[in-house]
């Protein structure tokens, strides 16, 4: 059923974590996060790339469902704050299913640079020197 896919993750030991959160829940959380940032996105990981569902995307739920159907795994959120002209901060937060998982923290930190490029390519903002 569209919008009501079960989210399944695994622990570092490979043990499954199954939650009752749906893709609609993840989009609702993305929209909630958007209140605190200039721009937000949900990172969806694939074996060799990462795609983003931006808080400003039309059809966010459908986009997330398509990415999951193609094998993507929702990983966490990235949020951009413009502190002042030319100074941007990007913050990351893993999904609660991955809270405390070290590889996820490193993965999200590595995404900060590509997230900035995605924002610029999508004409959603310019990322200057910043912190995360």
Protein backbone atom coordinates (compact mmCIF):
# COMPACT_ATOMS: atom_id res chain seq x y z
CA UNK A 1 0.00 0.00 0.00
CA UNK A 2 1.52 3.34 -1.04
CA UNK A 3 2.58 5.49 1.88
CA UNK A 4 2.30 2.68 4.40
CA UNK A 5 5.45 0.71 3.82
CA UNK A 6 7.10 -0.76 6.86
CA UNK A 7 10.58 0.61 7.52
CA UNK A 8 13.12 -2.12 8.23
CA UNK A 9 16.69 -1.50 9.28
CA UNK A 10 19.46 -3.61 10.75
CA UNK A 11 21.80 -3.14 13.68
CA UNK A 12 25.57 -3.11 13.24
CA UNK A 13 25.46 -6.83 14.03
CA UNK A 14 22.99 -7.32 11.18
CA UNK A 15 20.00 -7.95 13.44
CA UNK A 16 16.75 -6.61 11.96
CA UNK A 17 15.01 -3.67 13.57
CA UNK A 18 11.43 -3.44 12.39
CA UNK A 19 9.31 -0.48 13.35
CA UNK A 20 5.74 0.49 12.66
CA UNK A 21 6.74 3.86 11.25
CA UNK A 22 5.55 4.43 7.74
CA UNK A 23 6.91 6.49 4.90
CA UNK A 24 4.11 8.93 5.70
CA UNK A 25 5.53 9.15 9.25
CA UNK A 26 8.97 9.95 7.84
CA UNK A 27 7.56 12.71 5.63
CA UNK A 28 5.65 14.13 8.59
CA UNK A 29 8.90 14.14 10.57
CA UNK A 30 10.70 15.82 7.65
CA UNK A 31 8.05 18.54 7.59
CA UNK A 32 8.35 18.97 11.35
CA UNK A 33 12.15 19.34 11.05
CA UNK A 34 11.65 21.96 8.32
CA UNK A 35 10.34 24.43 10.91
CA UNK A 36 13.83 24.69 12.41
CA UNK A 37 15.90 25.05 9.23
CA UNK A 38 16.22 27.05 6.03
CA UNK A 39 16.19 23.78 4.07
CA UNK A 40 15.75 20.14 5.10
CA UNK A 41 16.11 16.79 3.41
CA UNK A 42 15.72 13.11 4.18
CA UNK A 43 18.75 11.13 2.98
CA UNK A 44 17.91 7.84 1.27
CA UNK A 45 20.91 5.58 0.85
CA UNK A 46 21.62 3.19 -2.00
CA UNK A 47 24.62 0.94 -2.44
CA UNK A 48 26.54 3.49 -4.53
CA UNK A 49 24.71 6.78 -4.11
CA UNK A 50 22.44 8.83 -1.92
CA UNK A 51 19.25 10.56 -3.00
CA UNK A 52 17.48 13.30 -1.09
CA UNK A 53 13.81 14.02 -0.48
CA UNK A 54 13.79 17.77 0.12
CA UNK A 55 11.27 19.41 2.40
CA UNK A 56 10.26 21.62 -0.54
CA UNK A 57 9.74 18.78 -3.04
CA UNK A 58 6.28 18.43 -4.52
CA UNK A 59 5.06 14.87 -4.01
CA UNK A 60 7.50 14.07 -1.19
CA UNK A 61 5.66 10.92 -0.12
CA UNK A 62 5.50 9.54 -3.64
CA UNK A 63 9.19 10.33 -4.20
CA UNK A 64 10.17 8.55 -0.97
CA UNK A 65 8.04 5.53 -1.86
CA UNK A 66 9.66 5.32 -5.32
CA UNK A 67 13.15 5.51 -3.82
CA UNK A 68 12.35 2.73 -1.34
CA UNK A 69 10.82 0.60 -4.11
CA UNK A 70 14.15 1.00 -5.99
CA UNK A 71 16.01 -0.36 -2.95
CA UNK A 72 16.83 2.84 -1.06
CA UNK A 73 16.97 2.96 2.73
CA UNK A 74 15.97 6.11 4.61
CA UNK A 75 18.93 6.97 6.86
CA UNK A 76 18.52 10.41 8.41
CA UNK A 77 17.87 14.11 8.09
CA UNK A 78 20.02 17.03 7.05
CA UNK A 79 19.08 20.60 7.82
CA UNK A 80 20.62 23.82 6.52
CA UNK A 81 20.77 26.99 8.57
CA UNK A 82 21.95 30.26 7.02
CA UNK A 83 23.69 31.96 9.91
CA UNK A 84 24.64 35.07 7.96
CA UNK A 85 25.43 35.80 4.30
CA UNK A 86 28.18 33.42 3.26
CA UNK A 87 28.02 31.35 6.45
CA UNK A 88 25.93 28.21 6.51
CA UNK A 89 25.64 25.38 8.98
CA UNK A 90 24.38 21.93 8.07
CA UNK A 91 23.17 19.69 10.88
CA UNK A 92 22.49 15.98 10.65
CA UNK A 93 20.29 13.60 12.62
CA UNK A 94 19.86 9.87 12.04
CA UNK A 95 16.43 8.31 12.00
CA UNK A 96 15.50 6.98 15.44
CA UNK A 97 16.02 3.47 14.08
CA UNK A 98 19.72 4.34 13.71
CA UNK A 99 20.23 6.45 16.85
CA UNK A 100 23.66 5.69 18.28
CA UNK A 101 24.82 3.66 15.27
CA UNK A 102 28.35 4.84 14.49
CA UNK A 103 28.44 4.08 10.74
CA UNK A 104 25.24 6.12 10.30
CA UNK A 105 26.78 9.11 12.09
CA UNK A 106 29.85 8.91 9.81
CA UNK A 107 27.64 8.41 6.73
CA UNK A 108 25.60 11.53 7.49
CA UNK A 109 28.71 13.60 8.19
CA UNK A 110 30.13 12.53 4.82
CA UNK A 111 26.89 13.62 3.16
CA UNK A 112 27.21 17.22 4.30
CA UNK A 113 29.36 18.21 1.28
CA UNK A 114 27.15 16.45 -1.26
CA UNK A 115 24.03 17.92 0.36
CA UNK A 116 25.42 21.40 -0.25
CA UNK A 117 26.03 20.56 -3.91
CA UNK A 118 22.48 19.13 -4.20
CA UNK A 119 21.04 22.35 -2.80
CA UNK A 120 22.98 24.42 -5.31
CA UNK A 121 22.12 22.14 -8.27
CA UNK A 122 18.43 22.19 -7.33
CA UNK A 123 18.64 26.01 -7.08
CA UNK A 124 17.49 25.74 -3.46
CA UNK A 125 20.32 27.72 -1.94
CA UNK A 126 24.04 28.37 -1.95
CA UNK A 127 26.16 26.75 0.69
CA UNK A 128 29.12 28.77 1.86
CA UNK A 129 31.82 27.78 4.32
CA UNK A 130 30.09 26.30 7.31
CA UNK A 131 30.06 23.84 10.13
CA UNK A 132 28.12 20.72 10.92
